[in-house]
C-alpha atoms as a PDB file:
ATOM      1  CA  MET A   1      -5.627  24.116  11.082  1.00  0.00           C
ATOM      2  CA  SER A   2      -3.791  22.485   8.235  1.00  0.00           C
ATOM      3  CA  PHE A   3      -3.949  18.993   6.762  1.00  0.00           C
ATOM      4  CA  ASN A   4      -0.988  16.624   6.280  1.00  0.00           C
ATOM      5  CA  PRO A   5      -0.398  14.732   3.065  1.00  0.00           C
ATOM      6  CA  ILE A   6      -2.186  11.373   2.628  1.00  0.00           C
ATOM      7  CA  ASP A   7      -0.765   8.140   1.290  1.00  0.00           C
ATOM      8  CA  ILE A   8      -2.947   6.408  -1.297  1.00  0.00           C
ATOM      9  CA  GLY A   9      -1.794   3.212  -2.955  1.00  0.00           C
ATOM     10  CA  VAL A  10      -2.292  -0.435  -3.738  1.00  0.00           C
ATOM     11  CA  ARG A  11      -1.097  -3.748  -2.399  1.00  0.00           C
ATOM     12  CA  VAL A  12       1.034  -5.553  -5.020  1.00  0.00           C
ATOM     13  CA  GLU A  13       1.666  -9.287  -5.257  1.00  0.00           C
ATOM     14  CA  VAL A  14       4.815 -10.603  -6.987  1.00  0.00           C
ATOM     15  CA  PRO A  15       6.345 -14.098  -7.296  1.00  0.00           C
ATOM     16  CA  ASN A  16       8.713 -14.841  -4.409  1.00  0.00           C
ATOM     17  CA  GLU A  17      11.603 -15.110  -6.910  1.00  0.00           C
ATOM     18  CA  VAL A  18      11.348 -11.334  -7.499  1.00  0.00           C
ATOM     19  CA  MET A  19      12.133 -10.545  -3.834  1.00  0.00           C
ATOM     20  CA  ASP A  20      14.157 -13.584  -2.751  1.00  0.00           C
ATOM     21  CA  GLU A  21      17.604 -12.084  -3.146  1.00  0.00           C
ATOM     22  CA  ILE A  22      16.673  -9.008  -1.097  1.00  0.00           C
ATOM     23  CA  VAL A  23      14.691 -10.865   1.582  1.00  0.00           C
ATOM     24  CA  ASN A  24      16.738 -14.007   1.958  1.00  0.00           C
ATOM     25  CA  GLU A  25      20.293 -13.380   0.775  1.00  0.00           C
ATOM     26  CA  HIS A  26      20.520  -9.860   2.178  1.00  0.00           C
ATOM     27  CA  ARG A  27      18.257 -10.703   5.121  1.00  0.00           C
ATOM     28  CA  CYS A  28      16.130  -7.654   4.655  1.00  0.00           C
ATOM     29  CA  TRP A  29      12.648  -8.836   5.688  1.00  0.00           C
ATOM     30  CA  ASP A  30      10.825  -5.574   5.124  1.00  0.00           C
ATOM     31  CA  PRO A  31      12.856  -3.593   2.495  1.00  0.00           C
ATOM     32  CA  LYS A  32      12.021   0.024   1.773  1.00  0.00           C
ATOM     33  CA  PHE A  33      12.396   1.339  -1.739  1.00  0.00           C
ATOM     34  CA  HIS A  34      11.821   5.092  -2.353  1.00  0.00           C
ATOM     35  CA  VAL A  35      10.975   6.256  -5.904  1.00  0.00           C
ATOM     36  CA  TYR A  36      10.379   9.713  -7.284  1.00  0.00           C
ATOM     37  CA  THR A  37       8.512   9.500 -10.550  1.00  0.00           C
ATOM     38  CA  PRO A  38      10.159  11.409 -13.430  1.00  0.00           C
ATOM     39  CA  SER A  39       6.981  12.971 -14.844  1.00  0.00           C
ATOM     40  CA  TYR A  40       5.557  14.648 -11.778  1.00  0.00           C
ATOM     41  CA  ASP A  41       8.178  14.001  -9.062  1.00  0.00           C
ATOM     42  CA  ASP A  42       5.636  12.030  -7.032  1.00  0.00           C
ATOM     43  CA  PHE A  43       7.004  10.170  -4.027  1.00  0.00           C
ATOM     44  CA  THR A  44       6.155   6.436  -3.919  1.00  0.00           C
ATOM     45  CA  ARG A  45       7.669   3.883  -1.563  1.00  0.00           C
ATOM     46  CA  THR A  46       7.366   0.225  -0.656  1.00  0.00           C
ATOM     47  CA  PHE A  47       5.854  -0.531   2.712  1.00  0.00           C
ATOM     48  CA  CYS A  48       4.677  -3.528   4.750  1.00  0.00           C
ATOM     49  CA  VAL A  49       6.461  -6.223   2.697  1.00  0.00           C
ATOM     50  CA  CYS A  50       5.065  -9.717   3.467  1.00  0.00           C
ATOM     51  CA  PRO A  51       7.415 -12.415   2.105  1.00  0.00           C
ATOM     52  CA  ARG A  52       5.530 -15.525   1.234  1.00  0.00           C
ATOM     53  CA  GLY A  53       2.542 -13.792   2.775  1.00  0.00           C
ATOM     54  CA  PHE A  54      -1.146 -13.440   2.636  1.00  0.00           C
ATOM     55  CA  VAL A  55      -3.610 -10.597   1.841  1.00  0.00           C
ATOM     56  CA  THR A  56      -6.555 -10.028   4.157  1.00  0.00           C
ATOM     57  CA  GLU A  57      -9.550  -7.754   4.021  1.00  0.00           C
ATOM     58  CA  GLU A  58      -9.675  -4.980   6.586  1.00  0.00           C
ATOM     59  CA  LYS A  59     -12.890  -3.222   7.606  1.00  0.00           C
ATOM     60  CA  TYR A  60     -12.625   0.478   8.461  1.00  0.00           C
ATOM     61  CA  GLU A  61     -16.213   1.759   8.517  1.00  0.00           C
ATOM     62  CA  ASP A  62     -19.580   0.628   7.283  1.00  0.00           C
ATOM     63  CA  GLU A  63     -19.176  -0.299   3.621  1.00  0.00           C
ATOM     64  CA  ILE A  64     -15.505   0.740   3.555  1.00  0.00           C
ATOM     65  CA  PHE A  65     -12.876  -2.018   3.279  1.00  0.00           C
ATOM     66  CA  GLY A  66      -9.220  -2.041   2.440  1.00  0.00           C
ATOM     67  CA  VAL A  67      -6.581  -4.745   2.308  1.00  0.00           C
ATOM     68  CA  ASN A  68      -3.664  -5.558   4.595  1.00  0.00           C
ATOM     69  CA  GLY A  69      -1.005  -8.207   4.512  1.00  0.00           C
ATOM     70  CA  TYR A  70       0.764 -10.634   6.871  1.00  0.00           C
ATOM     71  CA  SER A  71       3.309 -13.442   6.819  1.00  0.00           C
ATOM     72  CA  MET A  72       3.162 -16.568   8.971  1.00  0.00           C
ATOM     73  CA  ARG A  73       6.020 -18.683  10.274  1.00  0.00           C
ATOM     74  CA  GLU A  74       4.466 -22.096   9.585  1.00  0.00           C
ATOM     75  CA  THR A  75       2.365 -21.396   6.475  1.00  0.00           C
ATOM     76  CA  SER A  76       3.390 -19.614   3.280  1.00  0.00           C
ATOM     77  CA  THR A  77       2.423 -18.799  -0.256  1.00  0.00           C
ATOM     78  CA  ASN A  78       4.287 -18.591  -3.565  1.00  0.00           C
ATOM     79  CA  ASN A  79       4.021 -14.785  -3.619  1.00  0.00           C
ATOM     80  CA  THR A  80       5.385 -11.781  -1.737  1.00  0.00           C
ATOM     81  CA  LYS A  81       2.960  -8.950  -1.013  1.00  0.00           C
ATOM     82  CA  LEU A  82       3.899  -5.263  -0.540  1.00  0.00           C
ATOM     83  CA  ARG A  83       2.202  -1.913  -0.441  1.00  0.00           C
ATOM     84  CA  THR A  84       3.094   0.974  -2.705  1.00  0.00           C
ATOM     85  CA  PRO A  85       1.587   4.161  -1.235  1.00  0.00           C
ATOM     86  CA  ASN A  86       1.943   7.391  -3.102  1.00  0.00           C
ATOM     87  CA  GLU A  87       2.061  10.650  -1.070  1.00  0.00           C
ATOM     88  CA  VAL A  88      -0.658  13.096  -2.091  1.00  0.00           C
ATOM     89  CA  LYS A  89      -0.511  16.722  -0.993  1.00  0.00           C
ATOM     90  CA  LEU A  90      -3.632  18.809  -1.526  1.00  0.00           C
ATOM     91  CA  THR A  91      -3.973  22.517  -1.855  1.00  0.00           C
ATOM     92  CA  GLN A  92      -6.942  24.927  -1.897  1.00  0.00           C
ATOM     93  CA  PRO A  93      -9.747  24.603  -2.654  1.00  0.00           C
ATOM     94  CA  LEU A  94      -9.462  20.848  -1.974  1.00  0.00           C
ATOM     95  CA  GLU A  95      -7.191  20.483   1.049  1.00  0.00           C
ATOM     96  CA  ASN A  96      -9.015  18.229   3.448  1.00  0.00           C
ATOM     97  CA  THR A  97      -7.033  14.979   3.127  1.00  0.00           C
ATOM     98  CA  THR A  98      -9.333  13.167   5.648  1.00  0.00           C
ATOM     99  CA  GLU A  99     -12.365  13.817   3.490  1.00  0.00           C
ATOM    100  CA  TYR A 100     -10.448  13.079   0.274  1.00  0.00           C
ATOM    101  CA  GLY A 101      -9.231   9.705   1.664  1.00  0.00           C
ATOM    102  CA  THR A 102     -12.684   8.765   2.741  1.00  0.00           C
ATOM    103  CA  ARG A 103     -14.097   9.585  -0.652  1.00  0.00           C
ATOM    104  CA  VAL A 104     -11.371   7.557  -2.467  1.00  0.00           C
ATOM    105  CA  ALA A 105     -12.105   4.594  -0.187  1.00  0.00           C
ATOM    106  CA  GLN A 106     -15.804   4.897  -0.824  1.00  0.00           C
ATOM    107  CA  LEU A 107     -15.281   4.974  -4.600  1.00  0.00           C
ATOM    108  CA  THR A 108     -12.895   1.961  -4.572  1.00  0.00           C
ATOM    109  CA  ASN A 109     -15.485  -0.015  -2.529  1.00  0.00           C
ATOM    110  CA  HIS A 110     -18.474   0.870  -4.741  1.00  0.00           C
ATOM    111  CA  PRO A 111     -20.133  -2.172  -6.345  1.00  0.00           C
ATOM    112  CA  TRP A 112     -19.899  -0.880  -9.938  1.00  0.00           C
ATOM    113  CA  GLY A 113     -21.266  -3.846 -11.705  1.00  0.00           C
END
């Protein structure tokens, strides 16, 4: 058995003006940008773009929450939301990406203060 890479990232919110040309003038509702970072050659991409959209909490397991996004036809915001996941490949001795992803989610949901 082998484990696939895991995507770990954040949901970013930018003013609509930042994405208006791409979304409206070029009519690309869900644009995909692929970036390889110069320092470590990490692969990061945009995903799930929500023009004038909303962010919502999403429950996965007990005590583990993430965020998702959506756009609505009749209601909008002044911001565009998008995800920027980074592909993480693990090697021995830590190669279980399922356990790694669960631990990252638990840590980001911990009430630190």
